Amino acid sequence: AILTGSTRDNVALAQAQAWVHPAHRRGGVGTRLVDH
């Protein structure tokens, strides 16, 4: 996963993206990444 954002403006906002390897989908990995 990645997390990005500005420290100078729009400081309430963060952009996130998560990817789970196809062999490990639907096993809770995505949920743990998003929580983190």
PDB file of all heavy atoms in Angstrom:
ATOM      1  N   ALA A   1       0.846  -1.190   0.000  1.00  0.00           N
ATOM      2  CA  ALA A   1       0.000   0.000   0.000  1.00  0.00           C
ATOM      3  C   ALA A   1       0.878   1.234   0.000  1.00  0.00           C
ATOM      4  O   ALA A   1       2.050   1.183   0.397  1.00  0.00           O
ATOM      5  CB  ALA A   1      -0.923   0.012   1.218  1.00  0.00           C
ATOM      6  N   ILE A   2       0.294   2.352  -0.445  1.00  0.00           N
ATOM      7  CA  ILE A   2       0.970   3.643  -0.361  1.00  0.00           C
ATOM      8  C   ILE A   2       0.029   4.647   0.285  1.00  0.00           C
ATOM      9  O   ILE A   2      -1.193   4.514   0.247  1.00  0.00           O
ATOM     10  CB  ILE A   2       1.429   4.159  -1.737  1.00  0.00           C
ATOM     11  CG1 ILE A   2       0.255   4.279  -2.700  1.00  0.00           C
ATOM     12  CG2 ILE A   2       2.539   3.286  -2.309  1.00  0.00           C
ATOM     13  CD1 ILE A   2       0.603   4.962  -4.018  1.00  0.00           C
ATOM     14  N   LEU A   3       0.623   5.671   0.883  1.00  0.00           N
ATOM     15  CA  LEU A   3      -0.117   6.774   1.486  1.00  0.00           C
ATOM     16  C   LEU A   3       0.619   8.050   1.131  1.00  0.00           C
ATOM     17  O   LEU A   3       1.832   8.152   1.331  1.00  0.00           O
ATOM     18  CB  LEU A   3      -0.184   6.604   3.006  1.00  0.00           C
ATOM     19  CG  LEU A   3      -0.970   7.663   3.778  1.00  0.00           C
ATOM     20  CD1 LEU A   3      -2.468   7.525   3.496  1.00  0.00           C
ATOM     21  CD2 LEU A   3      -0.715   7.528   5.278  1.00  0.00           C
ATOM     22  N   THR A   4      -0.088   9.027   0.586  1.00  0.00           N
ATOM     23  CA  THR A   4       0.539  10.273   0.168  1.00  0.00           C
ATOM     24  C   THR A   4      -0.302  11.460   0.620  1.00  0.00           C
ATOM     25  O   THR A   4      -1.495  11.338   0.886  1.00  0.00           O
ATOM     26  CB  THR A   4       0.694  10.337  -1.368  1.00  0.00           C
ATOM     27  OG1 THR A   4      -0.601  10.437  -1.965  1.00  0.00           O
ATOM     28  CG2 THR A   4       1.390   9.102  -1.900  1.00  0.00           C
ATOM     29  N   GLY A   5       0.350  12.606   0.678  1.00  0.00           N
ATOM     30  CA  GLY A   5      -0.361  13.826   1.038  1.00  0.00           C
ATOM     31  C   GLY A   5       0.580  15.005   1.071  1.00  0.00           C
ATOM     32  O   GLY A   5       1.803  14.859   1.031  1.00  0.00           O
ATOM     33  N   SER A   6       0.004  16.189   1.155  1.00  0.00           N
ATOM     34  CA  SER A   6       0.769  17.424   1.249  1.00  0.00           C
ATOM     35  C   SER A   6       0.956  17.792   2.719  1.00  0.00           C
ATOM     36  O   SER A   6       0.068  17.531   3.549  1.00  0.00           O
ATOM     37  CB  SER A   6       0.039  18.555   0.523  1.00  0.00           C
ATOM     38  OG  SER A   6       0.671  19.798   0.758  1.00  0.00           O
ATOM     39  N   THR A   7       2.073  18.412   3.028  1.00  0.00           N
ATOM     40  CA  THR A   7       2.304  18.917   4.386  1.00  0.00           C
ATOM     41  C   THR A   7       2.139  20.431   4.441  1.00  0.00           C
ATOM     42  O   THR A   7       2.324  21.032   5.491  1.00  0.00           O
ATOM     43  CB  THR A   7       3.712  18.545   4.870  1.00  0.00           C
ATOM     44  OG1 THR A   7       4.686  19.099   3.966  1.00  0.00           O
ATOM     45  CG2 THR A   7       3.886  17.041   4.934  1.00  0.00           C
ATOM     46  N   ARG A   8       1.783  21.029   3.294  1.00  0.00           N
ATOM     47  CA  ARG A   8       1.727  22.489   3.202  1.00  0.00           C
ATOM     48  C   ARG A   8       0.305  22.998   3.004  1.00  0.00           C
ATOM     49  O   ARG A   8      -0.058  24.053   3.503  1.00  0.00           O
ATOM     50  CB  ARG A   8       2.605  22.945   2.035  1.00  0.00           C
ATOM     51  CG  ARG A   8       2.657  24.445   1.840  1.00  0.00           C
ATOM     52  CD  ARG A   8       3.456  24.794   0.600  1.00  0.00           C
ATOM     53  NE  ARG A   8       4.841  24.418   0.755  1.00  0.00           N
ATOM     54  CZ  ARG A   8       5.671  24.178  -0.258  1.00  0.00           C
ATOM     55  NH1 ARG A   8       5.218  24.243  -1.499  1.00  0.00           N
ATOM     56  NH2 ARG A   8       6.917  23.853  -0.041  1.00  0.00           N
ATOM     57  N   ASP A   9      -0.495  22.262   2.241  1.00  0.00           N
ATOM     58  CA  ASP A   9      -1.868  22.692   1.969  1.00  0.00           C
ATOM     59  C   ASP A   9      -2.761  21.453   1.947  1.00  0.00           C
ATOM     60  O   ASP A   9      -2.283  20.332   1.815  1.00  0.00           O
ATOM     61  CB  ASP A   9      -1.956  23.440   0.636  1.00  0.00           C
ATOM     62  CG  ASP A   9      -1.187  22.737  -0.471  1.00  0.00           C
ATOM     63  OD1 ASP A   9      -1.550  21.590  -0.817  1.00  0.00           O
ATOM     64  OD2 ASP A   9      -0.206  23.312  -0.980  1.00  0.00           O
ATOM     65  N   ASN A  10      -4.052  21.658   2.091  1.00  0.00           N
ATOM     66  CA  ASN A  10      -5.002  20.537   2.125  1.00  0.00           C
ATOM     67  C   ASN A  10      -4.516  19.440   3.075  1.00  0.00           C
ATOM     68  O   ASN A  10      -4.514  18.248   2.746  1.00  0.00           O
ATOM     69  CB  ASN A  10      -5.205  19.990   0.710  1.00  0.00           C
ATOM     70  CG  ASN A  10      -5.800  21.023  -0.231  1.00  0.00           C
ATOM     71  OD1 ASN A  10      -6.937  21.449  -0.061  1.00  0.00           O
ATOM     72  ND2 ASN A  10      -5.008  21.460  -1.202  1.00  0.00           N
ATOM     73  N   VAL A  11      -4.105  19.870   4.265  1.00  0.00           N
ATOM     74  CA  VAL A  11      -3.445  18.954   5.197  1.00  0.00           C
ATOM     75  C   VAL A  11      -4.415  18.014   5.896  1.00  0.00           C
ATOM     76  O   VAL A  11      -3.994  17.164   6.688  1.00  0.00           O
ATOM     77  CB  VAL A  11      -2.610  19.727   6.240  1.00  0.00           C
ATOM     78  CG1 VAL A  11      -1.456  20.444   5.568  1.00  0.00           C
ATOM     79  CG2 VAL A  11      -3.485  20.710   7.014  1.00  0.00           C
ATOM     80  N   ALA A  12      -5.709  18.148   5.626  1.00  0.00           N
ATOM     81  CA  ALA A  12      -6.667  17.182   6.163  1.00  0.00           C
ATOM     82  C   ALA A  12      -6.795  15.955   5.266  1.00  0.00           C
ATOM     83  O   ALA A  12      -7.364  14.942   5.672  1.00  0.00           O
ATOM     84  CB  ALA A  12      -8.033  17.826   6.339  1.00  0.00           C
ATOM     85  N   LEU A  13      -6.244  16.034   4.045  1.00  0.00           N
ATOM     86  CA  LEU A  13      -6.461  15.010   3.025  1.00  0.00           C
ATOM     87  C   LEU A  13      -5.252  14.098   2.859  1.00  0.00           C
ATOM     88  O   LEU A  13      -4.113  14.555   2.852  1.00  0.00           O
ATOM     89  CB  LEU A  13      -6.755  15.698   1.685  1.00  0.00           C
ATOM     90  CG  LEU A  13      -6.882  14.816   0.442  1.00  0.00           C
ATOM     91  CD1 LEU A  13      -8.099  13.908   0.540  1.00  0.00           C
ATOM     92  CD2 LEU A  13      -6.948  15.681  -0.814  1.00  0.00           C
ATOM     93  N   ALA A  14      -5.523  12.797   2.710  1.00  0.00           N
ATOM     94  CA  ALA A  14      -4.498  11.823   2.331  1.00  0.00           C
ATOM     95  C   ALA A  14      -5.045  10.970   1.200  1.00  0.00           C
ATOM     96  O   ALA A  14      -6.247  10.690   1.152  1.00  0.00           O
ATOM     97  CB  ALA A  14      -4.105  10.942   3.512  1.00  0.00           C
ATOM     98  N   GLN A  15      -4.167  10.570   0.289  1.00  0.00           N
ATOM     99  CA  GLN A  15      -4.527   9.656  -0.792  1.00  0.00           C
ATOM    100  C   GLN A  15      -3.892   8.310  -0.498  1.00  0.00           C
ATOM    101  O   GLN A  15      -2.709   8.243  -0.124  1.00  0.00           O
ATOM    102  CB  GLN A  15      -4.002  10.178  -2.139  1.00  0.00           C
ATOM    103  CG  GLN A  15      -4.576  11.517  -2.550  1.00  0.00           C
ATOM    104  CD  GLN A  15      -5.892  11.391  -3.292  1.00  0.00           C
ATOM    105  OE1 GLN A  15      -6.377  10.287  -3.544  1.00  0.00           O
ATOM    106  NE2 GLN A  15      -6.481  12.512  -3.647  1.00  0.00           N
ATOM    107  N   ALA A  16      -4.651   7.235  -0.649  1.00  0.00           N
ATOM    108  CA  ALA A  16      -4.143   5.894  -0.355  1.00  0.00           C
ATOM    109  C   ALA A  16      -4.454   4.950  -1.503  1.00  0.00           C
ATOM    110  O   ALA A  16      -5.392   5.176  -2.282  1.00  0.00           O
ATOM    111  CB  ALA A  16      -4.758   5.358   0.934  1.00  0.00           C
ATOM    112  N   GLN A  17      -3.659   3.903  -1.598  1.00  0.00           N
ATOM    113  CA  GLN A  17      -3.872   2.862  -2.592  1.00  0.00           C
ATOM    114  C   GLN A  17      -3.339   1.556  -2.010  1.00  0.00           C
ATOM    115  O   GLN A  17      -2.307   1.554  -1.336  1.00  0.00           O
ATOM    116  CB  GLN A  17      -3.126   3.191  -3.888  1.00  0.00           C
ATOM    117  CG  GLN A  17      -3.652   2.521  -5.129  1.00  0.00           C
ATOM    118  CD  GLN A  17      -4.921   3.168  -5.668  1.00  0.00           C
ATOM    119  OE1 GLN A  17      -5.256   4.291  -5.313  1.00  0.00           O
ATOM    120  NE2 GLN A  17      -5.624   2.457  -6.529  1.00  0.00           N
ATOM    121  N   ALA A  18      -4.030   0.465  -2.260  1.00  0.00           N
ATOM    122  CA  ALA A  18      -3.594  -0.835  -1.750  1.00  0.00           C
ATOM    123  C   ALA A  18      -3.706  -1.881  -2.846  1.00  0.00           C
ATOM    124  O   ALA A  18      -4.619  -1.828  -3.682  1.00  0.00           O
ATOM    125  CB  ALA A  18      -4.434  -1.255  -0.538  1.00  0.00           C
ATOM    126  N   TRP A  19      -2.770  -2.834  -2.834  1.00  0.00           N
ATOM    127  CA  TRP A  19      -2.755  -3.930  -3.811  1.00  0.00           C
ATOM    128  C   TRP A  19      -2.485  -5.235  -3.069  1.00  0.00           C
ATOM    129  O   TRP A  19      -1.586  -5.299  -2.217  1.00  0.00           O
ATOM    130  CB  TRP A  19      -1.642  -3.736  -4.842  1.00  0.00           C
ATOM    131  CG  TRP A  19      -1.746  -2.508  -5.681  1.00  0.00           C
ATOM    132  CD1 TRP A  19      -2.363  -2.372  -6.877  1.00  0.00           C
ATOM    133  CD2 TRP A  19      -1.185  -1.214  -5.391  1.00  0.00           C
ATOM    134  NE1 TRP A  19      -2.225  -1.091  -7.360  1.00  0.00           N
ATOM    135  CE2 TRP A  19      -1.514  -0.359  -6.471  1.00  0.00           C
ATOM    136  CE3 TRP A  19      -0.439  -0.698  -4.312  1.00  0.00           C
ATOM    137  CZ2 TRP A  19      -1.117   0.976  -6.505  1.00  0.00           C
ATOM    138  CZ3 TRP A  19      -0.058   0.627  -4.344  1.00  0.00           C
ATOM    139  CH2 TRP A  19      -0.395   1.455  -5.439  1.00  0.00           C
ATOM    140  N   VAL A  20      -3.233  -6.257  -3.389  1.00  0.00           N
ATOM    141  CA  VAL A  20      -3.028  -7.586  -2.817  1.00  0.00           C
ATOM    142  C   VAL A  20      -2.642  -8.532  -3.945  1.00  0.00           C
ATOM    143  O   VAL A  20      -3.272  -8.516  -5.019  1.00  0.00           O
ATOM    144  CB  VAL A  20      -4.282  -8.096  -2.089  1.00  0.00           C
ATOM    145  CG1 VAL A  20      -4.064  -9.509  -1.557  1.00  0.00           C
ATOM    146  CG2 VAL A  20      -4.665  -7.142  -0.954  1.00  0.00           C
ATOM    147  N   HIS A  21      -1.628  -9.337  -3.708  1.00  0.00           N
ATOM    148  CA  HIS A  21      -1.221 -10.301  -4.733  1.00  0.00           C
ATOM    149  C   HIS A  21      -2.404 -11.199  -5.077  1.00  0.00           C
ATOM    150  O   HIS A  21      -3.145 -11.635  -4.185  1.00  0.00           O
ATOM    151  CB  HIS A  21      -0.048 -11.139  -4.237  1.00  0.00           C
ATOM    152  CG  HIS A  21       0.621 -11.917  -5.327  1.00  0.00           C
ATOM    153  ND1 HIS A  21       0.055 -13.056  -5.885  1.00  0.00           N
ATOM    154  CD2 HIS A  21       1.796 -11.719  -5.983  1.00  0.00           C
ATOM    155  CE1 HIS A  21       0.865 -13.518  -6.813  1.00  0.00           C
ATOM    156  NE2 HIS A  21       1.922 -12.723  -6.909  1.00  0.00           N
ATOM    157  N   PRO A  22      -2.633 -11.470  -6.369  1.00  0.00           N
ATOM    158  CA  PRO A  22      -3.805 -12.277  -6.756  1.00  0.00           C
ATOM    159  C   PRO A  22      -3.895 -13.607  -6.020  1.00  0.00           C
ATOM    160  O   PRO A  22      -5.014 -14.102  -5.778  1.00  0.00           O
ATOM    161  CB  PRO A  22      -3.587 -12.489  -8.257  1.00  0.00           C
ATOM    162  CG  PRO A  22      -2.770 -11.324  -8.701  1.00  0.00           C
ATOM    163  CD  PRO A  22      -1.872 -10.988  -7.545  1.00  0.00           C
ATOM    164  N   ALA A  23      -2.780 -14.190  -5.633  1.00  0.00           N
ATOM    165  CA  ALA A  23      -2.801 -15.481  -4.937  1.00  0.00           C
ATOM    166  C   ALA A  23      -3.298 -15.366  -3.503  1.00  0.00           C
ATOM    167  O   ALA A  23      -3.581 -16.385  -2.861  1.00  0.00           O
ATOM    168  CB  ALA A  23      -1.405 -16.106  -4.947  1.00  0.00           C
ATOM    169  N   HIS A  24      -3.412 -14.137  -2.994  1.00  0.00           N
ATOM    170  CA  HIS A  24      -3.775 -13.968  -1.578  1.00  0.00           C
ATOM    171  C   HIS A  24      -4.989 -13.073  -1.390  1.00  0.00           C
ATOM    172  O   HIS A  24      -5.225 -12.566  -0.285  1.00  0.00           O
ATOM    173  CB  HIS A  24      -2.576 -13.389  -0.811  1.00  0.00           C
ATOM    174  CG  HIS A  24      -1.381 -14.266  -0.836  1.00  0.00           C
ATOM    175  ND1 HIS A  24      -1.282 -15.426  -0.105  1.00  0.00           N
ATOM    176  CD2 HIS A  24      -0.222 -14.169  -1.558  1.00  0.00           C
ATOM    177  CE1 HIS A  24      -0.111 -16.000  -0.341  1.00  0.00           C
ATOM    178  NE2 HIS A  24       0.547 -15.268  -1.216  1.00  0.00           N
ATOM    179  N   ARG A  25      -5.799 -12.930  -2.431  1.00  0.00           N
ATOM    180  CA  ARG A  25      -6.995 -12.111  -2.295  1.00  0.00           C
ATOM    181  C   ARG A  25      -8.086 -12.853  -1.529  1.00  0.00           C
ATOM    182  O   ARG A  25      -8.072 -14.071  -1.438  1.00  0.00           O
ATOM    183  CB  ARG A  25      -7.513 -11.709  -3.679  1.00  0.00           C
ATOM    184  CG  ARG A  25      -6.638 -10.648  -4.342  1.00  0.00           C
ATOM    185  CD  ARG A  25      -7.170 -10.202  -5.668  1.00  0.00           C
ATOM    186  NE  ARG A  25      -6.362  -9.097  -6.199  1.00  0.00           N
ATOM    187  CZ  ARG A  25      -6.464  -8.621  -7.420  1.00  0.00           C
ATOM    188  NH1 ARG A  25      -7.350  -9.153  -8.257  1.00  0.00           N
ATOM    189  NH2 ARG A  25      -5.704  -7.635  -7.829  1.00  0.00           N
ATOM    190  N   ARG A  26      -9.002 -12.049  -0.991  1.00  0.00           N
ATOM    191  CA  ARG A  26     -10.166 -12.550  -0.255  1.00  0.00           C
ATOM    192  C   ARG A  26      -9.760 -13.334   0.991  1.00  0.00           C
ATOM    193  O   ARG A  26     -10.484 -14.220   1.444  1.00  0.00           O
ATOM    194  CB  ARG A  26     -11.054 -13.415  -1.158  1.00  0.00           C
ATOM    195  CG  ARG A  26     -11.558 -12.676  -2.399  1.00  0.00           C
ATOM    196  CD  ARG A  26     -12.527 -13.524  -3.197  1.00  0.00           C
ATOM    197  NE  ARG A  26     -12.928 -12.846  -4.419  1.00  0.00           N
ATOM    198  CZ  ARG A  26     -13.871 -11.916  -4.506  1.00  0.00           C
ATOM    199  NH1 ARG A  26     -14.530 -11.556  -3.414  1.00  0.00           N
ATOM    200  NH2 ARG A  26     -14.161 -11.350  -5.662  1.00  0.00           N
ATOM    201  N   GLY A  27      -8.602 -12.961   1.542  1.00  0.00           N
ATOM    202  CA  GLY A  27      -8.159 -13.619   2.768  1.00  0.00           C
ATOM    203  C   GLY A  27      -7.940 -12.656   3.915  1.00  0.00           C
ATOM    204  O   GLY A  27      -7.365 -13.043   4.944  1.00  0.00           O
ATOM    205  N   GLY A  28      -8.369 -11.418   3.761  1.00  0.00           N
ATOM    206  CA  GLY A  28      -8.225 -10.440   4.840  1.00  0.00           C
ATOM    207  C   GLY A  28      -7.007  -9.548   4.726  1.00  0.00           C
ATOM    208  O   GLY A  28      -6.828  -8.631   5.548  1.00  0.00           O
ATOM    209  N   VAL A  29      -6.148  -9.782   3.729  1.00  0.00           N
ATOM    210  CA  VAL A  29      -4.932  -8.972   3.590  1.00  0.00           C
ATOM    211  C   VAL A  29      -5.292  -7.525   3.261  1.00  0.00           C
ATOM    212  O   VAL A  29      -4.735  -6.585   3.846  1.00  0.00           O
ATOM    213  CB  VAL A  29      -4.003  -9.558   2.511  1.00  0.00           C
ATOM    214  CG1 VAL A  29      -2.763  -8.682   2.327  1.00  0.00           C
ATOM    215  CG2 VAL A  29      -3.601 -10.984   2.865  1.00  0.00           C
ATOM    216  N   GLY A  30      -6.216  -7.332   2.326  1.00  0.00           N
ATOM    217  CA  GLY A  30      -6.613  -5.981   1.954  1.00  0.00           C
ATOM    218  C   GLY A  30      -7.186  -5.203   3.125  1.00  0.00           C
ATOM    219  O   GLY A  30      -6.891  -4.022   3.300  1.00  0.00           O
ATOM    220  N   THR A  31      -7.997  -5.874   3.943  1.00  0.00           N
ATOM    221  CA  THR A  31      -8.582  -5.211   5.107  1.00  0.00           C
ATOM    222  C   THR A  31      -7.494  -4.748   6.068  1.00  0.00           C
ATOM    223  O   THR A  31      -7.534  -3.622   6.580  1.00  0.00           O
ATOM    224  CB  THR A  31      -9.554  -6.160   5.817  1.00  0.00           C
ATOM    225  OG1 THR A  31     -10.642  -6.452   4.930  1.00  0.00           O
ATOM    226  CG2 THR A  31     -10.092  -5.540   7.086  1.00  0.00           C
ATOM    227  N   ARG A  32      -6.497  -5.606   6.311  1.00  0.00           N
ATOM    228  CA  ARG A  32      -5.414  -5.229   7.215  1.00  0.00           C
ATOM    229  C   ARG A  32      -4.615  -4.057   6.655  1.00  0.00           C
ATOM    230  O   ARG A  32      -4.224  -3.146   7.397  1.00  0.00           O
ATOM    231  CB  ARG A  32      -4.494  -6.431   7.443  1.00  0.00           C
ATOM    232  CG  ARG A  32      -5.101  -7.508   8.344  1.00  0.00           C
ATOM    233  CD  ARG A  32      -5.095  -7.064   9.821  1.00  0.00           C
ATOM    234  NE  ARG A  32      -3.743  -6.834  10.293  1.00  0.00           N
ATOM    235  CZ  ARG A  32      -2.927  -7.796  10.744  1.00  0.00           C
ATOM    236  NH1 ARG A  32      -3.344  -9.057  10.769  1.00  0.00           N
ATOM    237  NH2 ARG A  32      -1.726  -7.507  11.168  1.00  0.00           N
ATOM    238  N   LEU A  33      -4.369  -4.063   5.364  1.00  0.00           N
ATOM    239  CA  LEU A  33      -3.629  -2.955   4.757  1.00  0.00           C
ATOM    240  C   LEU A  33      -4.401  -1.645   4.866  1.00  0.00           C
ATOM    241  O   LEU A  33      -3.839  -0.597   5.228  1.00  0.00           O
ATOM    242  CB  LEU A  33      -3.345  -3.267   3.286  1.00  0.00           C
ATOM    243  CG  LEU A  33      -2.154  -4.168   2.997  1.00  0.00           C
ATOM    244  CD1 LEU A  33      -2.186  -4.616   1.544  1.00  0.00           C
ATOM    245  CD2 LEU A  33      -0.838  -3.446   3.283  1.00  0.00           C
ATOM    246  N   VAL A  34      -5.689  -1.693   4.554  1.00  0.00           N
ATOM    247  CA  VAL A  34      -6.495  -0.477   4.627  1.00  0.00           C
ATOM    248  C   VAL A  34      -6.557   0.035   6.058  1.00  0.00           C
ATOM    249  O   VAL A  34      -6.440   1.245   6.307  1.00  0.00           O
ATOM    250  CB  VAL A  34      -7.899  -0.725   4.050  1.00  0.00           C
ATOM    251  CG1 VAL A  34      -8.812   0.466   4.317  1.00  0.00           C
ATOM    252  CG2 VAL A  34      -7.822  -1.016   2.556  1.00  0.00           C
ATOM    253  N   ASP A  35      -6.743  -0.860   7.022  1.00  0.00           N
ATOM    254  CA  ASP A  35      -6.738  -0.447   8.433  1.00  0.00           C
ATOM    255  C   ASP A  35      -5.433   0.263   8.784  1.00  0.00           C
ATOM    256  O   ASP A  35      -5.421   1.294   9.474  1.00  0.00           O
ATOM    257  CB  ASP A  35      -6.912  -1.665   9.350  1.00  0.00           C
ATOM    258  CG  ASP A  35      -8.323  -2.210   9.352  1.00  0.00           C
ATOM    259  OD1 ASP A  35      -9.237  -1.500   8.881  1.00  0.00           O
ATOM    260  OD2 ASP A  35      -8.516  -3.347   9.826  1.00  0.00           O
ATOM    261  N   HIS A  36      -4.327  -0.296   8.295  1.00  0.00           N
ATOM    262  CA  HIS A  36      -3.016   0.267   8.639  1.00  0.00           C
ATOM    263  C   HIS A  36      -2.840   1.656   8.026  1.00  0.00           C
ATOM    264  O   HIS A  36      -2.408   2.592   8.722  1.00  0.00           O
ATOM    265  CB  HIS A  36      -1.901  -0.665   8.156  1.00  0.00           C
ATOM    266  CG  HIS A  36      -0.539  -0.222   8.597  1.00  0.00           C
ATOM    267  ND1 HIS A  36      -0.032  -0.525   9.848  1.00  0.00           N
ATOM    268  CD2 HIS A  36       0.430   0.506   7.961  1.00  0.00           C
ATOM    269  CE1 HIS A  36       1.183  -0.012   9.961  1.00  0.00           C
ATOM    270  NE2 HIS A  36       1.483   0.621   8.830  1.00  0.00           N
TER     271      HIS A  36
END
